[in-house]
Amino acid sequence: MPDRKITPIPYATLVKIFKRFGFTIKRKKGDHIIMTKPGVKRPPVIKSSPKDVPVTHIRTNMTTAGMSRDEYFQLDVCNPGNVLGYIKIKPYFVKFLANSPEVIIEGLTVPKLLLRG
């Protein structure tokens, strides 16, 4: 049984993961983002609607790209090993880091003392 579960993530995060794996955006058509990489016969297609990509689509694109679970978690920009978790506070995703007096809100580091509630 794997230690970590693949969970739904925002489509922009999935695009970043595939870019780190060597893919580039070839084109966008409607709500579909088509990515390519030399040597890969079939391009992964990421839908930008709904905002969170379901696990089945993530796994299908991983298989298409030849990406393993370990590679996915190494490239995962949304949930690195030191993140205790993240919650969605519309319209932001907030990461709570272990042993840190700060949180990360959409890439911006903010001291926890400034957050109320």
C-alpha atoms as a PDB file:
ATOM      1  CA  MET A   1       0.000   0.000   0.000  1.00  0.00           C
ATOM      2  CA  PRO A   2       1.501   3.370  -0.979  1.00  0.00           C
ATOM      3  CA  ASP A   3       2.375   5.801   1.811  1.00  0.00           C
ATOM      4  CA  ARG A   4       0.872   8.817   0.071  1.00  0.00           C
ATOM      5  CA  LYS A   5      -2.362   9.174  -1.831  1.00  0.00           C
ATOM      6  CA  ILE A   6      -2.808  11.078  -5.044  1.00  0.00           C
ATOM      7  CA  THR A   7      -5.477  13.685  -4.380  1.00  0.00           C
ATOM      8  CA  PRO A   8      -7.314  16.122  -6.664  1.00  0.00           C
ATOM      9  CA  ILE A   9      -5.211  19.241  -7.308  1.00  0.00           C
ATOM     10  CA  PRO A  10      -5.738  22.486  -9.230  1.00  0.00           C
ATOM     11  CA  TYR A  11      -5.099  22.163 -12.970  1.00  0.00           C
ATOM     12  CA  ALA A  12      -2.407  24.892 -12.833  1.00  0.00           C
ATOM     13  CA  THR A  13      -0.444  22.795 -10.316  1.00  0.00           C
ATOM     14  CA  LEU A  14      -0.700  19.724 -12.549  1.00  0.00           C
ATOM     15  CA  VAL A  15       0.592  21.765 -15.498  1.00  0.00           C
ATOM     16  CA  LYS A  16       3.583  22.830 -13.340  1.00  0.00           C
ATOM     17  CA  ILE A  17       4.290  19.204 -12.426  1.00  0.00           C
ATOM     18  CA  PHE A  18       4.299  18.149 -16.086  1.00  0.00           C
ATOM     19  CA  LYS A  19       6.512  21.123 -16.996  1.00  0.00           C
ATOM     20  CA  ARG A  20       9.009  19.972 -14.358  1.00  0.00           C
ATOM     21  CA  PHE A  21       8.876  16.518 -15.969  1.00  0.00           C
ATOM     22  CA  GLY A  22       9.980  18.048 -19.289  1.00  0.00           C
ATOM     23  CA  PHE A  23       6.667  18.752 -21.023  1.00  0.00           C
ATOM     24  CA  THR A  24       5.743  22.009 -22.711  1.00  0.00           C
ATOM     25  CA  ILE A  25       2.324  23.398 -23.575  1.00  0.00           C
ATOM     26  CA  LYS A  26       1.787  22.812 -27.277  1.00  0.00           C
ATOM     27  CA  ARG A  27      -1.646  24.363 -27.578  1.00  0.00           C
ATOM     28  CA  LYS A  28      -4.852  25.192 -25.763  1.00  0.00           C
ATOM     29  CA  LYS A  29      -8.219  24.384 -27.251  1.00  0.00           C
ATOM     30  CA  GLY A  30     -11.272  25.350 -25.228  1.00  0.00           C
ATOM     31  CA  ASP A  31     -10.691  24.066 -21.713  1.00  0.00           C
ATOM     32  CA  HIS A  32      -8.071  21.506 -22.830  1.00  0.00           C
ATOM     33  CA  ILE A  33      -4.329  22.031 -22.405  1.00  0.00           C
ATOM     34  CA  ILE A  34      -2.262  19.756 -24.659  1.00  0.00           C
ATOM     35  CA  MET A  35       1.331  19.138 -23.571  1.00  0.00           C
ATOM     36  CA  THR A  36       4.163  17.513 -25.512  1.00  0.00           C
ATOM     37  CA  LYS A  37       7.627  16.112 -24.854  1.00  0.00           C
ATOM     38  CA  PRO A  38      10.084  14.612 -27.357  1.00  0.00           C
ATOM     39  CA  GLY A  39       9.866  10.828 -27.329  1.00  0.00           C
ATOM     40  CA  VAL A  40       6.322  10.633 -25.949  1.00  0.00           C
ATOM     41  CA  LYS A  41       3.887   9.398 -28.609  1.00  0.00           C
ATOM     42  CA  ARG A  42       0.617  10.546 -27.065  1.00  0.00           C
ATOM     43  CA  PRO A  43       0.357  13.952 -25.388  1.00  0.00           C
ATOM     44  CA  PRO A  44      -1.191  14.337 -21.948  1.00  0.00           C
ATOM     45  CA  VAL A  45      -4.349  16.469 -22.011  1.00  0.00           C
ATOM     46  CA  ILE A  46      -5.248  18.492 -18.917  1.00  0.00           C
ATOM     47  CA  LYS A  47      -8.704  20.032 -18.559  1.00  0.00           C
ATOM     48  CA  SER A  48      -8.881  23.463 -16.967  1.00  0.00           C
ATOM     49  CA  SER A  49     -12.503  22.936 -15.989  1.00  0.00           C
ATOM     50  CA  PRO A  50     -13.326  22.045 -13.233  1.00  0.00           C
ATOM     51  CA  LYS A  51     -10.462  23.741 -11.368  1.00  0.00           C
ATOM     52  CA  ASP A  52      -9.489  20.612  -9.401  1.00  0.00           C
ATOM     53  CA  VAL A  53      -8.367  17.737 -11.623  1.00  0.00           C
ATOM     54  CA  PRO A  54      -9.824  14.366 -10.521  1.00  0.00           C
ATOM     55  CA  VAL A  55      -7.430  11.593  -9.471  1.00  0.00           C
ATOM     56  CA  THR A  56      -8.462   9.410 -12.443  1.00  0.00           C
ATOM     57  CA  HIS A  57      -7.357  12.129 -14.890  1.00  0.00           C
ATOM     58  CA  ILE A  58      -4.073  12.648 -13.029  1.00  0.00           C
ATOM     59  CA  ARG A  59      -3.290   8.918 -13.119  1.00  0.00           C
ATOM     60  CA  THR A  60      -4.260   8.606 -16.792  1.00  0.00           C
ATOM     61  CA  ASN A  61      -1.955  11.491 -17.697  1.00  0.00           C
ATOM     62  CA  MET A  62       0.842  10.004 -15.570  1.00  0.00           C
ATOM     63  CA  THR A  63       0.537   6.712 -17.453  1.00  0.00           C
ATOM     64  CA  THR A  64       0.466   8.510 -20.807  1.00  0.00           C
ATOM     65  CA  ALA A  65       3.584  10.490 -19.864  1.00  0.00           C
ATOM     66  CA  GLY A  66       5.433   7.489 -18.448  1.00  0.00           C
ATOM     67  CA  MET A  67       5.595   9.104 -14.986  1.00  0.00           C
ATOM     68  CA  SER A  68       5.814   6.925 -11.881  1.00  0.00           C
ATOM     69  CA  ARG A  69       4.161   7.672  -8.527  1.00  0.00           C
ATOM     70  CA  ASP A  70       7.568   8.438  -7.014  1.00  0.00           C
ATOM     71  CA  GLU A  71       8.380  10.889  -9.801  1.00  0.00           C
ATOM     72  CA  TYR A  72       4.982  12.538  -9.377  1.00  0.00           C
ATOM     73  CA  PHE A  73       5.528  13.117  -5.652  1.00  0.00           C
ATOM     74  CA  GLN A  74       9.096  14.356  -6.230  1.00  0.00           C
ATOM     75  CA  LEU A  75       7.767  16.919  -8.726  1.00  0.00           C
ATOM     76  CA  ASP A  76       4.617  17.769  -6.753  1.00  0.00           C
ATOM     77  CA  VAL A  77       4.706  21.523  -6.138  1.00  0.00           C
ATOM     78  CA  CYS A  78       1.509  21.482  -4.089  1.00  0.00           C
ATOM     79  CA  ASN A  79       2.391  18.981  -1.364  1.00  0.00           C
ATOM     80  CA  PRO A  80       6.115  18.603  -0.611  1.00  0.00           C
ATOM     81  CA  GLY A  81       7.143  16.405   2.306  1.00  0.00           C
ATOM     82  CA  ASN A  82       7.249  19.143   4.939  1.00  0.00           C
ATOM     83  CA  VAL A  83       3.687  20.347   4.376  1.00  0.00           C
ATOM     84  CA  LEU A  84       1.266  19.370   7.113  1.00  0.00           C
ATOM     85  CA  GLY A  85      -1.652  20.004   4.800  1.00  0.00           C
ATOM     86  CA  TYR A  86      -3.445  22.648   2.863  1.00  0.00           C
ATOM     87  CA  ILE A  87      -6.936  24.022   2.896  1.00  0.00           C
ATOM     88  CA  LYS A  88      -8.890  25.931   0.322  1.00  0.00           C
ATOM     89  CA  ILE A  89      -9.996  29.356   1.421  1.00  0.00           C
ATOM     90  CA  LYS A  90     -11.767  30.822  -1.562  1.00  0.00           C
ATOM     91  CA  PRO A  91     -10.066  31.838  -3.803  1.00  0.00           C
ATOM     92  CA  TYR A  92      -6.696  30.826  -2.247  1.00  0.00           C
ATOM     93  CA  PHE A  93      -4.908  27.603  -1.330  1.00  0.00           C
ATOM     94  CA  VAL A  94      -3.104  27.868   2.013  1.00  0.00           C
ATOM     95  CA  LYS A  95      -0.191  25.574   2.970  1.00  0.00           C
ATOM     96  CA  PHE A  96       0.755  25.022   6.610  1.00  0.00           C
ATOM     97  CA  LEU A  97       4.424  24.081   6.906  1.00  0.00           C
ATOM     98  CA  ALA A  98       5.735  21.897   9.706  1.00  0.00           C
ATOM     99  CA  ASN A  99       7.727  23.754  12.372  1.00  0.00           C
ATOM    100  CA  SER A 100       7.373  27.093  10.621  1.00  0.00           C
ATOM    101  CA  PRO A 101       5.927  30.361  11.862  1.00  0.00           C
ATOM    102  CA  GLU A 102       4.722  31.072   8.321  1.00  0.00           C
ATOM    103  CA  VAL A 103       2.110  29.863   5.852  1.00  0.00           C
ATOM    104  CA  ILE A 104       2.237  30.023   2.087  1.00  0.00           C
ATOM    105  CA  ILE A 105      -0.767  31.535   0.325  1.00  0.00           C
ATOM    106  CA  GLU A 106      -0.610  31.124  -3.461  1.00  0.00           C
ATOM    107  CA  GLY A 107       3.187  31.425  -3.442  1.00  0.00           C
ATOM    108  CA  LEU A 108       3.335  34.331  -0.966  1.00  0.00           C
ATOM    109  CA  THR A 109       4.870  33.650   2.435  1.00  0.00           C
ATOM    110  CA  VAL A 110       2.896  35.253   5.258  1.00  0.00           C
ATOM    111  CA  PRO A 111       3.683  35.078   9.005  1.00  0.00           C
ATOM    112  CA  LYS A 112       1.011  33.054  10.844  1.00  0.00           C
ATOM    113  CA  LEU A 113       0.636  35.926  13.313  1.00  0.00           C
ATOM    114  CA  LEU A 114      -0.893  38.086  10.559  1.00  0.00           C
ATOM    115  CA  LEU A 115      -3.662  35.575   9.901  1.00  0.00           C
ATOM    116  CA  ARG A 116      -6.756  35.711  12.040  1.00  0.00           C
ATOM    117  CA  GLY A 117      -9.525  33.219  12.444  1.00  0.00           C
END
